[in-house]
Amino acid sequence: MSSRETVLRRIRQATADLREAPVPVPRGYLRHAPTVAPEDRDGVLALLVERLADYGAEVYRVAEDDLPAALARALATARSAVAPAGLPDAWLAQWYGLVRRDAPPLTHAELDATDAVVTSCAAAIAESGTLVLDGGPGQGRRAPTLLPDLHVCVVREAQVCSAMPEAIGHLDPSRPLTWISGPSATADIEMIRVQGVHGPRRLTVLLVP
């Protein structure tokens, strides 16, 4: 008997009881942010804004009719921006920079030379200040959200979940999920946060009803 077979035999023996009678997994864990009642939508949205600001993102709450103007302001310093497939043309109607479509897919060099990317999102998590992209319409593939210096993300209020367990139920696990918590950053061994290490150095979130 080989070493591999010996190890696998011992694992099967050690887990035999578990296979016959699986250990029940408790499901009574908290599914919403502990500081905000799940039905308090104003509180949930305020928590998302607070968490994003803590990470160094810029957050603006704008009306639907003001979205094109708000996007033009957010892109004021950008000369070019990637617009993924499915992003409404009207969103960028008041911005006069170069709109680059990612079809056919832009190369990494082309993306790196582009100032910004504009996307929608699949969900947002208030408790952790996280945006979730799943490659759907207006979100595109992952590379364009990682290489340009500025990421402008439009979030619908209805997409904001209180906490992770709630958000998971709204996401399709078979899709390519990208989780974004503020501008790119890392922390060294002393847990000192340093921004602008990889990915966009600036994140602007437009929160729309």
N, C-alpha and C. Protein backbone atom coordinates (compact mmCIF):
# COMPACT_ATOMS: atom_id res chain seq x y z
N MET A 1 0.85 -1.20 0.00
CA MET A 1 0.00 0.00 0.00
C MET A 1 0.89 1.25 0.00
N SER A 2 0.57 2.18 -0.91
CA SER A 2 1.38 3.39 -1.01
C SER A 2 1.07 4.34 0.15
N SER A 3 1.95 5.34 0.32
CA SER A 3 1.74 6.34 1.37
C SER A 3 0.42 7.07 1.16
N ARG A 4 0.11 7.37 -0.10
CA ARG A 4 -1.15 8.07 -0.41
C ARG A 4 -2.35 7.24 0.03
N GLU A 5 -2.35 5.97 -0.32
CA GLU A 5 -3.46 5.10 0.05
C GLU A 5 -3.58 4.96 1.56
N THR A 6 -2.43 4.94 2.24
CA THR A 6 -2.45 4.83 3.70
C THR A 6 -3.10 6.06 4.32
N VAL A 7 -2.72 7.24 3.85
CA VAL A 7 -3.29 8.49 4.38
C VAL A 7 -4.79 8.55 4.12
N LEU A 8 -5.21 8.20 2.90
CA LEU A 8 -6.63 8.25 2.57
C LEU A 8 -7.43 7.24 3.40
N ARG A 9 -6.86 6.07 3.64
CA ARG A 9 -7.55 5.06 4.45
C ARG A 9 -7.76 5.57 5.87
N ARG A 10 -6.72 6.21 6.41
CA ARG A 10 -6.84 6.74 7.78
C ARG A 10 -7.88 7.86 7.85
N ILE A 11 -7.94 8.72 6.79
CA ILE A 11 -8.95 9.79 6.77
C ILE A 11 -10.34 9.20 6.72
N ARG A 12 -10.54 8.16 5.88
CA ARG A 12 -11.86 7.53 5.80
C ARG A 12 -12.26 6.91 7.13
N GLN A 13 -11.31 6.30 7.81
CA GLN A 13 -11.61 5.70 9.11
C GLN A 13 -11.95 6.77 10.14
N ALA A 14 -11.22 7.88 10.11
CA ALA A 14 -11.43 8.93 11.11
C ALA A 14 -12.74 9.68 10.90
N THR A 15 -13.22 9.70 9.66
CA THR A 15 -14.44 10.46 9.36
C THR A 15 -15.65 9.58 9.10
N ALA A 16 -15.53 8.30 9.41
CA ALA A 16 -16.64 7.38 9.15
C ALA A 16 -17.90 7.79 9.90
N ASP A 17 -17.75 8.18 11.16
CA ASP A 17 -18.91 8.56 11.96
C ASP A 17 -19.56 9.82 11.41
N LEU A 18 -18.74 10.74 10.89
CA LEU A 18 -19.28 11.98 10.36
C LEU A 18 -20.11 11.73 9.10
N ARG A 19 -19.65 10.74 8.31
CA ARG A 19 -20.40 10.43 7.08
C ARG A 19 -21.74 9.80 7.40
N GLU A 20 -21.78 9.02 8.45
CA GLU A 20 -23.03 8.35 8.81
C GLU A 20 -24.00 9.31 9.50
N ALA A 21 -23.48 10.20 10.31
CA ALA A 21 -24.34 11.15 11.04
C ALA A 21 -23.70 12.54 10.96
N PRO A 22 -23.94 13.28 9.89
CA PRO A 22 -23.33 14.62 9.74
C PRO A 22 -23.65 15.53 10.92
N VAL A 23 -22.66 16.30 11.30
CA VAL A 23 -22.84 17.25 12.40
C VAL A 23 -23.69 18.41 11.92
N PRO A 24 -24.79 18.71 12.61
CA PRO A 24 -25.64 19.83 12.18
C PRO A 24 -24.90 21.16 12.30
N VAL A 25 -25.08 22.02 11.31
CA VAL A 25 -24.45 23.33 11.31
C VAL A 25 -25.49 24.36 11.79
N PRO A 26 -25.20 25.09 12.85
CA PRO A 26 -26.17 26.09 13.33
C PRO A 26 -26.39 27.19 12.31
N ARG A 27 -27.63 27.60 12.13
CA ARG A 27 -27.96 28.63 11.14
C ARG A 27 -28.54 29.87 11.79
N GLY A 28 -28.45 29.98 13.08
CA GLY A 28 -29.07 31.11 13.76
C GLY A 28 -28.16 32.31 13.91
N TYR A 29 -27.15 32.45 13.03
CA TYR A 29 -26.23 33.56 13.15
C TYR A 29 -26.89 34.86 12.67
N LEU A 30 -26.31 35.97 13.09
CA LEU A 30 -26.86 37.28 12.77
C LEU A 30 -26.69 37.55 11.27
N ARG A 31 -27.79 37.91 10.62
CA ARG A 31 -27.76 38.12 9.17
C ARG A 31 -27.74 39.59 8.78
N HIS A 32 -27.68 40.48 9.73
CA HIS A 32 -27.64 41.91 9.41
C HIS A 32 -26.62 42.60 10.31
N ALA A 33 -26.27 43.83 9.95
CA ALA A 33 -25.30 44.58 10.76
C ALA A 33 -25.84 44.76 12.17
N PRO A 34 -25.06 44.47 13.19
CA PRO A 34 -25.58 44.49 14.56
C PRO A 34 -25.97 45.88 15.06
N THR A 35 -25.45 46.93 14.43
CA THR A 35 -25.74 48.28 14.91
C THR A 35 -26.94 48.93 14.23
N VAL A 36 -27.51 48.24 13.22
CA VAL A 36 -28.61 48.83 12.46
C VAL A 36 -29.71 47.79 12.27
N ALA A 37 -30.94 48.17 12.53
CA ALA A 37 -32.06 47.28 12.29
C ALA A 37 -32.21 47.05 10.79
N PRO A 38 -32.48 45.82 10.36
CA PRO A 38 -32.54 45.53 8.92
C PRO A 38 -33.60 46.33 8.18
N GLU A 39 -34.67 46.71 8.89
CA GLU A 39 -35.73 47.48 8.23
C GLU A 39 -35.43 48.98 8.20
N ASP A 40 -34.36 49.39 8.84
CA ASP A 40 -33.98 50.81 8.87
C ASP A 40 -33.12 51.11 7.65
N ARG A 41 -33.76 51.36 6.50
CA ARG A 41 -33.02 51.56 5.26
C ARG A 41 -32.14 52.81 5.32
N ASP A 42 -32.62 53.87 5.94
CA ASP A 42 -31.79 55.07 6.05
C ASP A 42 -30.53 54.78 6.85
N GLY A 43 -30.68 53.97 7.91
CA GLY A 43 -29.53 53.61 8.72
C GLY A 43 -28.55 52.74 7.97
N VAL A 44 -29.06 51.82 7.16
CA VAL A 44 -28.20 50.94 6.36
C VAL A 44 -27.40 51.75 5.34
N LEU A 45 -28.07 52.67 4.66
CA LEU A 45 -27.39 53.50 3.66
C LEU A 45 -26.36 54.41 4.31
N ALA A 46 -26.71 54.98 5.47
CA ALA A 46 -25.76 55.84 6.18
C ALA A 46 -24.53 55.05 6.61
N LEU A 47 -24.73 53.79 7.00
CA LEU A 47 -23.60 52.95 7.41
C LEU A 47 -22.68 52.67 6.23
N LEU A 48 -23.25 52.41 5.06
CA LEU A 48 -22.43 52.19 3.86
C LEU A 48 -21.59 53.42 3.55
N VAL A 49 -22.21 54.59 3.60
CA VAL A 49 -21.49 55.83 3.32
C VAL A 49 -20.34 56.01 4.32
N GLU A 50 -20.63 55.74 5.59
CA GLU A 50 -19.61 55.89 6.64
C GLU A 50 -18.43 54.95 6.42
N ARG A 51 -18.74 53.68 6.11
CA ARG A 51 -17.67 52.69 5.92
C ARG A 51 -16.82 53.02 4.69
N LEU A 52 -17.47 53.41 3.60
CA LEU A 52 -16.72 53.77 2.41
C LEU A 52 -15.81 54.98 2.66
N ALA A 53 -16.33 55.97 3.39
CA ALA A 53 -15.52 57.15 3.72
C ALA A 53 -14.33 56.76 4.60
N ASP A 54 -14.54 55.80 5.51
CA ASP A 54 -13.44 55.33 6.35
C ASP A 54 -12.30 54.74 5.52
N TYR A 55 -12.65 54.11 4.41
CA TYR A 55 -11.65 53.51 3.53
C TYR A 55 -10.97 54.54 2.63
N GLY A 56 -11.49 55.74 2.59
CA GLY A 56 -10.89 56.76 1.74
C GLY A 56 -11.59 56.94 0.41
N ALA A 57 -12.77 56.33 0.24
CA ALA A 57 -13.53 56.53 -0.99
C ALA A 57 -14.33 57.83 -0.90
N GLU A 58 -14.64 58.40 -2.05
CA GLU A 58 -15.52 59.55 -2.11
C GLU A 58 -16.93 59.04 -2.41
N VAL A 59 -17.90 59.49 -1.63
CA VAL A 59 -19.26 59.01 -1.79
C VAL A 59 -20.21 60.19 -1.94
N TYR A 60 -21.07 60.11 -2.94
CA TYR A 60 -22.05 61.16 -3.17
C TYR A 60 -23.42 60.53 -3.39
N ARG A 61 -24.40 61.09 -2.72
CA ARG A 61 -25.78 60.65 -2.94
C ARG A 61 -26.40 61.60 -3.95
N VAL A 62 -26.86 61.06 -5.07
CA VAL A 62 -27.36 61.89 -6.16
C VAL A 62 -28.71 61.37 -6.64
N ALA A 63 -29.53 62.28 -7.16
CA ALA A 63 -30.81 61.90 -7.74
C ALA A 63 -30.59 61.28 -9.11
N GLU A 64 -31.55 60.48 -9.55
CA GLU A 64 -31.45 59.83 -10.85
C GLU A 64 -31.22 60.84 -11.97
N ASP A 65 -31.97 61.93 -11.95
CA ASP A 65 -31.85 62.93 -13.02
C ASP A 65 -30.50 63.63 -13.01
N ASP A 66 -29.83 63.64 -11.86
CA ASP A 66 -28.53 64.32 -11.75
C ASP A 66 -27.35 63.39 -12.00
N LEU A 67 -27.63 62.11 -12.31
CA LEU A 67 -26.53 61.14 -12.44
C LEU A 67 -25.54 61.51 -13.55
N PRO A 68 -25.98 61.89 -14.77
CA PRO A 68 -25.00 62.26 -15.80
C PRO A 68 -24.10 63.41 -15.36
N ALA A 69 -24.67 64.43 -14.70
CA ALA A 69 -23.87 65.56 -14.23
C ALA A 69 -22.90 65.12 -13.13
N ALA A 70 -23.38 64.25 -12.24
CA ALA A 70 -22.53 63.76 -11.15
C ALA A 70 -21.37 62.93 -11.70
N LEU A 71 -21.63 62.13 -12.73
CA LEU A 71 -20.55 61.36 -13.35
C LEU A 71 -19.55 62.28 -14.04
N ALA A 72 -20.04 63.34 -14.67
CA ALA A 72 -19.13 64.30 -15.31
C ALA A 72 -18.23 64.95 -14.27
N ARG A 73 -18.77 65.26 -13.09
CA ARG A 73 -17.95 65.84 -12.01
C ARG A 73 -16.94 64.82 -11.49
N ALA A 74 -17.39 63.57 -11.33
CA ALA A 74 -16.49 62.53 -10.81
C ALA A 74 -15.33 62.26 -11.76
N LEU A 75 -15.57 62.47 -13.07
CA LEU A 75 -14.55 62.21 -14.08
C LEU A 75 -13.84 63.49 -14.54
N ALA A 76 -13.98 64.55 -13.78
CA ALA A 76 -13.45 65.86 -14.19
C ALA A 76 -11.95 65.83 -14.48
N THR A 77 -11.20 65.01 -13.76
CA THR A 77 -9.75 64.98 -13.95
C THR A 77 -9.31 63.90 -14.93
N ALA A 78 -10.28 63.13 -15.44
CA ALA A 78 -9.95 62.02 -16.34
C ALA A 78 -10.10 62.44 -17.80
N ARG A 79 -9.17 62.02 -18.62
CA ARG A 79 -9.26 62.29 -20.06
C ARG A 79 -9.87 61.11 -20.81
N SER A 80 -9.81 59.93 -20.22
CA SER A 80 -10.36 58.74 -20.86
C SER A 80 -10.94 57.81 -19.80
N ALA A 81 -11.94 57.03 -20.20
CA ALA A 81 -12.59 56.12 -19.26
C ALA A 81 -13.13 54.90 -19.99
N VAL A 82 -13.05 53.75 -19.35
CA VAL A 82 -13.61 52.53 -19.90
C VAL A 82 -15.09 52.46 -19.52
N ALA A 83 -15.93 52.14 -20.49
CA ALA A 83 -17.36 51.94 -20.27
C ALA A 83 -17.70 50.50 -20.64
N PRO A 84 -17.95 49.63 -19.67
CA PRO A 84 -18.24 48.22 -19.99
C PRO A 84 -19.54 48.08 -20.77
N ALA A 85 -19.70 46.97 -21.45
CA ALA A 85 -20.92 46.69 -22.19
C ALA A 85 -22.12 46.72 -21.24
N GLY A 86 -23.18 47.35 -21.67
CA GLY A 86 -24.38 47.42 -20.86
C GLY A 86 -24.49 48.67 -20.02
N LEU A 87 -23.40 49.48 -19.97
CA LEU A 87 -23.47 50.74 -19.25
C LEU A 87 -24.30 51.73 -20.08
N PRO A 88 -25.36 52.32 -19.52
CA PRO A 88 -26.20 53.23 -20.31
C PRO A 88 -25.42 54.39 -20.90
N ASP A 89 -25.60 54.65 -22.19
CA ASP A 89 -24.90 55.75 -22.85
C ASP A 89 -25.24 57.09 -22.21
N ALA A 90 -26.48 57.23 -21.71
CA ALA A 90 -26.93 58.50 -21.14
C ALA A 90 -26.13 58.88 -19.89
N TRP A 91 -25.55 57.89 -19.22
CA TRP A 91 -24.79 58.19 -18.01
C TRP A 91 -23.60 59.10 -18.31
N LEU A 92 -22.98 58.93 -19.47
CA LEU A 92 -21.77 59.69 -19.80
C LEU A 92 -22.05 60.81 -20.80
N ALA A 93 -23.32 61.17 -20.95
CA ALA A 93 -23.70 62.16 -21.97
C ALA A 93 -23.14 63.55 -21.67
N GLN A 94 -22.86 63.87 -20.40
CA GLN A 94 -22.37 65.21 -20.06
C GLN A 94 -20.86 65.25 -19.80
N TRP A 95 -20.20 64.13 -20.08
CA TRP A 95 -18.74 64.09 -19.91
C TRP A 95 -18.12 64.07 -21.31
N TYR A 96 -17.09 64.88 -21.53
CA TYR A 96 -16.55 65.06 -22.87
C TYR A 96 -15.18 64.41 -23.07
N GLY A 97 -14.86 63.47 -22.20
CA GLY A 97 -13.62 62.74 -22.39
C GLY A 97 -13.78 61.60 -23.39
N LEU A 98 -12.72 60.84 -23.56
CA LEU A 98 -12.71 59.71 -24.49
C LEU A 98 -13.31 58.48 -23.81
N VAL A 99 -14.42 57.98 -24.37
CA VAL A 99 -15.05 56.76 -23.85
C VAL A 99 -14.48 55.56 -24.60
N ARG A 100 -13.88 54.64 -23.86
CA ARG A 100 -13.28 53.45 -24.48
C ARG A 100 -14.14 52.24 -24.18
N ARG A 101 -14.59 51.57 -25.21
CA ARG A 101 -15.39 50.36 -25.06
C ARG A 101 -14.47 49.15 -24.96
N ASP A 102 -14.82 48.23 -24.13
CA ASP A 102 -13.98 47.04 -23.90
C ASP A 102 -14.41 45.90 -24.81
N ALA A 103 -14.68 46.21 -26.07
CA ALA A 103 -15.07 45.20 -27.05
C ALA A 103 -14.54 45.62 -28.42
N PRO A 104 -13.56 44.87 -28.95
CA PRO A 104 -12.91 43.71 -28.34
C PRO A 104 -12.13 44.10 -27.09
N PRO A 105 -11.82 43.14 -26.23
CA PRO A 105 -11.17 43.45 -24.95
C PRO A 105 -9.91 44.30 -25.11
N LEU A 106 -9.83 45.35 -24.34
CA LEU A 106 -8.63 46.19 -24.35
C LEU A 106 -7.46 45.43 -23.73
N THR A 107 -6.26 45.71 -24.22
CA THR A 107 -5.09 45.06 -23.66
C THR A 107 -4.77 45.66 -22.30
N HIS A 108 -3.92 44.99 -21.54
CA HIS A 108 -3.52 45.52 -20.24
C HIS A 108 -2.81 46.87 -20.40
N ALA A 109 -2.03 47.00 -21.45
CA ALA A 109 -1.33 48.27 -21.68
C ALA A 109 -2.34 49.38 -21.99
N GLU A 110 -3.37 49.07 -22.76
CA GLU A 110 -4.39 50.06 -23.07
C GLU A 110 -5.19 50.44 -21.82
N LEU A 111 -5.49 49.47 -20.99
CA LEU A 111 -6.21 49.75 -19.75
C LEU A 111 -5.35 50.58 -18.80
N ASP A 112 -4.08 50.26 -18.73
CA ASP A 112 -3.18 50.99 -17.85
C ASP A 112 -3.03 52.44 -18.29
N ALA A 113 -3.20 52.68 -19.59
CA ALA A 113 -3.09 54.04 -20.12
C ALA A 113 -4.42 54.80 -20.06
N THR A 114 -5.46 54.16 -19.57
CA THR A 114 -6.77 54.79 -19.44
C THR A 114 -6.92 55.33 -18.02
N ASP A 115 -7.49 56.52 -17.90
CA ASP A 115 -7.54 57.20 -16.60
C ASP A 115 -8.55 56.62 -15.64
N ALA A 116 -9.69 56.13 -16.16
CA ALA A 116 -10.78 55.76 -15.26
C ALA A 116 -11.61 54.62 -15.83
N VAL A 117 -12.45 54.05 -14.99
CA VAL A 117 -13.46 53.08 -15.41
C VAL A 117 -14.75 53.42 -14.69
N VAL A 118 -15.86 53.29 -15.38
CA VAL A 118 -17.18 53.55 -14.80
C VAL A 118 -17.96 52.25 -14.83
N THR A 119 -18.53 51.85 -13.69
CA THR A 119 -19.30 50.61 -13.65
C THR A 119 -20.56 50.79 -12.79
N SER A 120 -21.44 49.83 -12.94
CA SER A 120 -22.51 49.63 -11.97
C SER A 120 -22.02 48.53 -11.02
N CYS A 121 -22.90 47.94 -10.23
CA CYS A 121 -22.47 46.86 -9.35
C CYS A 121 -23.62 45.86 -9.18
N ALA A 122 -23.30 44.71 -8.58
CA ALA A 122 -24.31 43.69 -8.32
C ALA A 122 -24.90 43.84 -6.93
N ALA A 123 -24.10 44.33 -5.98
CA ALA A 123 -24.55 44.51 -4.60
C ALA A 123 -23.55 45.37 -3.85
N ALA A 124 -23.98 45.88 -2.71
CA ALA A 124 -23.08 46.62 -1.81
C ALA A 124 -23.40 46.19 -0.40
N ILE A 125 -22.38 46.11 0.45
CA ILE A 125 -22.54 45.63 1.82
C ILE A 125 -22.20 46.76 2.77
N ALA A 126 -23.20 47.20 3.53
CA ALA A 126 -23.03 48.37 4.39
C ALA A 126 -22.03 48.12 5.52
N GLU A 127 -22.13 46.98 6.18
CA GLU A 127 -21.31 46.73 7.37
C GLU A 127 -19.82 46.77 7.07
N SER A 128 -19.43 46.27 5.90
CA SER A 128 -18.00 46.22 5.56
C SER A 128 -17.60 47.28 4.53
N GLY A 129 -18.58 48.05 4.02
CA GLY A 129 -18.26 49.04 3.00
C GLY A 129 -17.73 48.41 1.73
N THR A 130 -18.35 47.31 1.32
CA THR A 130 -17.87 46.53 0.19
C THR A 130 -18.80 46.64 -1.01
N LEU A 131 -18.22 46.80 -2.19
CA LEU A 131 -18.97 46.75 -3.44
C LEU A 131 -18.69 45.40 -4.09
N VAL A 132 -19.72 44.79 -4.67
CA VAL A 132 -19.56 43.49 -5.32
C VAL A 132 -19.94 43.61 -6.79
N LEU A 133 -19.01 43.23 -7.67
CA LEU A 133 -19.26 43.19 -9.10
C LEU A 133 -19.29 41.74 -9.55
N ASP A 134 -20.21 41.41 -10.47
CA ASP A 134 -20.30 40.02 -10.92
C ASP A 134 -20.15 39.88 -12.44
N GLY A 135 -19.67 40.93 -13.11
CA GLY A 135 -19.46 40.85 -14.54
C GLY A 135 -20.72 41.02 -15.36
N GLY A 136 -21.81 41.43 -14.72
CA GLY A 136 -23.07 41.64 -15.42
C GLY A 136 -23.07 42.91 -16.24
N PRO A 137 -24.23 43.28 -16.83
CA PRO A 137 -24.32 44.50 -17.64
C PRO A 137 -23.85 45.73 -16.87
N GLY A 138 -23.01 46.52 -17.51
CA GLY A 138 -22.49 47.72 -16.87
C GLY A 138 -21.33 47.47 -15.93
N GLN A 139 -20.91 46.22 -15.77
CA GLN A 139 -19.80 45.89 -14.87
C GLN A 139 -18.59 45.36 -15.61
N GLY A 140 -18.83 44.55 -16.62
CA GLY A 140 -17.75 44.07 -17.46
C GLY A 140 -16.84 43.07 -16.77
N ARG A 141 -15.73 42.79 -17.43
CA ARG A 141 -14.78 41.84 -16.87
C ARG A 141 -13.93 42.50 -15.79
N ARG A 142 -13.14 41.70 -15.12
CA ARG A 142 -12.42 42.17 -13.93
C ARG A 142 -11.28 43.13 -14.24
N ALA A 143 -10.50 42.88 -15.30
CA ALA A 143 -9.30 43.66 -15.57
C ALA A 143 -9.54 45.16 -15.67
N PRO A 144 -10.60 45.63 -16.36
CA PRO A 144 -10.80 47.08 -16.44
C PRO A 144 -11.09 47.75 -15.10
N THR A 145 -11.49 46.99 -14.09
CA THR A 145 -11.73 47.58 -12.76
C THR A 145 -10.49 47.55 -11.89
N LEU A 146 -9.39 47.00 -12.40
CA LEU A 146 -8.18 46.87 -11.60
C LEU A 146 -7.03 47.74 -12.09
N LEU A 147 -7.03 48.12 -13.36
CA LEU A 147 -5.87 48.82 -13.92
C LEU A 147 -6.00 50.35 -13.99
N PRO A 148 -7.12 50.93 -14.41
CA PRO A 148 -7.21 52.40 -14.41
C PRO A 148 -7.07 52.97 -13.00
N ASP A 149 -6.65 54.21 -12.90
CA ASP A 149 -6.36 54.83 -11.61
C ASP A 149 -7.62 55.18 -10.82
N LEU A 150 -8.72 55.46 -11.52
CA LEU A 150 -9.96 55.89 -10.88
C LEU A 150 -11.09 54.93 -11.24
N HIS A 151 -11.81 54.48 -10.22
CA HIS A 151 -13.00 53.65 -10.43
C HIS A 151 -14.21 54.42 -9.92
N VAL A 152 -15.15 54.70 -10.82
CA VAL A 152 -16.41 55.35 -10.44
C VAL A 152 -17.50 54.29 -10.52
N CYS A 153 -18.15 54.04 -9.39
CA CYS A 153 -19.15 52.97 -9.32
C CYS A 153 -20.51 53.55 -8.95
N VAL A 154 -21.52 53.21 -9.74
CA VAL A 154 -22.89 53.65 -9.47
C VAL A 154 -23.62 52.54 -8.71
N VAL A 155 -24.13 52.87 -7.54
CA VAL A 155 -24.80 51.90 -6.67
C VAL A 155 -26.25 52.33 -6.47
N ARG A 156 -27.17 51.43 -6.71
CA ARG A 156 -28.58 51.68 -6.44
C ARG A 156 -28.87 51.41 -4.96
N GLU A 157 -29.70 52.24 -4.36
CA GLU A 157 -30.01 52.05 -2.94
C GLU A 157 -30.59 50.67 -2.67
N ALA A 158 -31.38 50.15 -3.62
CA ALA A 158 -31.99 48.84 -3.44
C ALA A 158 -30.95 47.72 -3.44
N GLN A 159 -29.74 47.99 -3.96
CA GLN A 159 -28.68 46.98 -4.00
C GLN A 159 -27.89 46.91 -2.70
N VAL A 160 -28.12 47.83 -1.78
CA VAL A 160 -27.34 47.89 -0.55
C VAL A 160 -27.91 46.92 0.48
N CYS A 161 -27.10 45.96 0.88
CA CYS A 161 -27.47 45.00 1.91
C CYS A 161 -26.83 45.40 3.23
N SER A 162 -27.45 44.99 4.32
CA SER A 162 -26.95 45.36 5.63
C SER A 162 -25.62 44.69 5.95
N ALA A 163 -25.54 43.38 5.68
CA ALA A 163 -24.34 42.63 6.05
C ALA A 163 -24.09 41.50 5.05
N MET A 164 -22.97 40.81 5.21
CA MET A 164 -22.55 39.77 4.27
C MET A 164 -23.60 38.66 4.07
N PRO A 165 -24.16 38.07 5.14
CA PRO A 165 -25.12 36.98 4.92
C PRO A 165 -26.30 37.39 4.06
N GLU A 166 -26.76 38.62 4.22
CA GLU A 166 -27.86 39.10 3.40
C GLU A 166 -27.43 39.24 1.94
N ALA A 167 -26.23 39.74 1.71
CA ALA A 167 -25.75 39.94 0.35
C ALA A 167 -25.55 38.63 -0.38
N ILE A 168 -25.05 37.62 0.31
CA ILE A 168 -24.78 36.33 -0.31
C ILE A 168 -26.03 35.77 -0.96
N GLY A 169 -27.18 35.97 -0.32
CA GLY A 169 -28.43 35.46 -0.87
C GLY A 169 -28.85 36.12 -2.16
N HIS A 170 -28.27 37.30 -2.47
CA HIS A 170 -28.61 38.03 -3.69
C HIS A 170 -27.61 37.79 -4.81
N LEU A 171 -26.55 37.04 -4.54
CA LEU A 171 -25.48 36.86 -5.52
C LEU A 171 -25.50 35.45 -6.11
N ASP A 172 -25.06 35.36 -7.35
CA ASP A 172 -24.96 34.07 -8.03
C ASP A 172 -23.53 33.55 -7.87
N PRO A 173 -23.33 32.47 -7.11
CA PRO A 173 -21.97 32.00 -6.84
C PRO A 173 -21.26 31.47 -8.08
N SER A 174 -21.99 31.25 -9.17
CA SER A 174 -21.35 30.75 -10.39
C SER A 174 -20.74 31.88 -11.22
N ARG A 175 -21.01 33.14 -10.83
CA ARG A 175 -20.48 34.28 -11.58
C ARG A 175 -19.13 34.72 -10.99
N PRO A 176 -18.31 35.43 -11.78
CA PRO A 176 -17.00 35.89 -11.28
C PRO A 176 -17.17 37.11 -10.37
N LEU A 177 -17.14 36.91 -9.08
CA LEU A 177 -17.41 37.97 -8.13
C LEU A 177 -16.12 38.72 -7.77
N THR A 178 -16.18 40.04 -7.84
CA THR A 178 -15.07 40.90 -7.42
C THR A 178 -15.54 41.73 -6.24
N TRP A 179 -14.82 41.66 -5.14
CA TRP A 179 -15.20 42.34 -3.89
C TRP A 179 -14.26 43.52 -3.70
N ILE A 180 -14.82 44.72 -3.59
CA ILE A 180 -14.03 45.94 -3.52
C ILE A 180 -14.37 46.70 -2.24
N SER A 181 -13.39 46.88 -1.39
CA SER A 181 -13.59 47.65 -0.15
C SER A 181 -12.66 48.85 -0.17
N GLY A 182 -13.10 49.92 -0.78
CA GLY A 182 -12.32 51.15 -0.85
C GLY A 182 -11.26 51.11 -1.94
N PRO A 183 -10.47 52.19 -2.05
CA PRO A 183 -9.36 52.22 -3.02
C PRO A 183 -8.35 51.14 -2.69
N SER A 184 -7.49 50.83 -3.66
CA SER A 184 -6.48 49.79 -3.43
C SER A 184 -5.61 50.15 -2.23
N ALA A 185 -5.30 49.13 -1.44
CA ALA A 185 -4.51 49.37 -0.23
C ALA A 185 -3.94 48.05 0.27
N THR A 186 -2.97 48.16 1.14
CA THR A 186 -2.43 46.99 1.82
C THR A 186 -1.97 47.43 3.20
N ALA A 187 -1.57 46.48 4.02
CA ALA A 187 -1.07 46.80 5.36
C ALA A 187 0.20 45.99 5.61
N ASP A 188 1.19 46.63 6.24
CA ASP A 188 2.43 45.91 6.51
C ASP A 188 2.29 45.12 7.81
N ILE A 189 3.38 44.56 8.27
CA ILE A 189 3.35 43.71 9.45
C ILE A 189 2.90 44.47 10.70
N GLU A 190 3.06 45.78 10.69
CA GLU A 190 2.62 46.60 11.82
C GLU A 190 1.19 47.11 11.63
N MET A 191 0.52 46.59 10.59
CA MET A 191 -0.88 46.92 10.30
C MET A 191 -1.07 48.40 9.99
N ILE A 192 -0.07 48.99 9.36
CA ILE A 192 -0.20 50.37 8.89
C ILE A 192 -0.73 50.34 7.47
N ARG A 193 -1.91 50.95 7.27
CA ARG A 193 -2.57 50.91 5.96
C ARG A 193 -1.90 51.86 4.99
N VAL A 194 -1.58 51.34 3.80
CA VAL A 194 -0.96 52.13 2.74
C VAL A 194 -1.83 52.02 1.50
N GLN A 195 -2.27 53.16 0.97
CA GLN A 195 -3.15 53.15 -0.20
C GLN A 195 -2.35 53.26 -1.50
N GLY A 196 -2.99 52.84 -2.58
CA GLY A 196 -2.39 52.98 -3.91
C GLY A 196 -1.35 51.94 -4.23
N VAL A 197 -1.50 50.74 -3.70
CA VAL A 197 -0.49 49.70 -3.92
C VAL A 197 -0.79 48.90 -5.18
N HIS A 198 -2.03 48.57 -5.40
CA HIS A 198 -2.43 47.81 -6.58
C HIS A 198 -3.89 48.17 -6.87
N GLY A 199 -4.24 48.19 -8.15
CA GLY A 199 -5.61 48.56 -8.50
C GLY A 199 -5.82 50.06 -8.40
N PRO A 200 -7.06 50.50 -8.60
CA PRO A 200 -7.36 51.95 -8.59
C PRO A 200 -6.97 52.61 -7.26
N ARG A 201 -6.28 53.74 -7.36
CA ARG A 201 -5.92 54.48 -6.15
C ARG A 201 -7.08 55.32 -5.64
N ARG A 202 -8.07 55.57 -6.52
CA ARG A 202 -9.22 56.40 -6.13
C ARG A 202 -10.51 55.67 -6.46
N LEU A 203 -11.44 55.72 -5.52
CA LEU A 203 -12.76 55.11 -5.71
C LEU A 203 -13.82 56.15 -5.40
N THR A 204 -14.71 56.38 -6.37
CA THR A 204 -15.83 57.31 -6.18
C THR A 204 -17.12 56.51 -6.33
N VAL A 205 -17.99 56.63 -5.35
CA VAL A 205 -19.27 55.90 -5.36
C VAL A 205 -20.41 56.91 -5.47
N LEU A 206 -21.28 56.69 -6.43
CA LEU A 206 -22.47 57.51 -6.59
C LEU A 206 -23.67 56.67 -6.17
N LEU A 207 -24.30 57.06 -5.07
CA LEU A 207 -25.42 56.31 -4.51
C LEU A 207 -26.71 56.93 -5.04
N VAL A 208 -27.48 56.12 -5.80
CA VAL A 208 -28.65 56.62 -6.52
C VAL A 208 -29.90 55.91 -6.03
N PRO A 209 -31.02 56.61 -5.86
CA PRO A 209 -32.27 55.96 -5.43
C PRO A 209 -32.68 54.84 -6.39
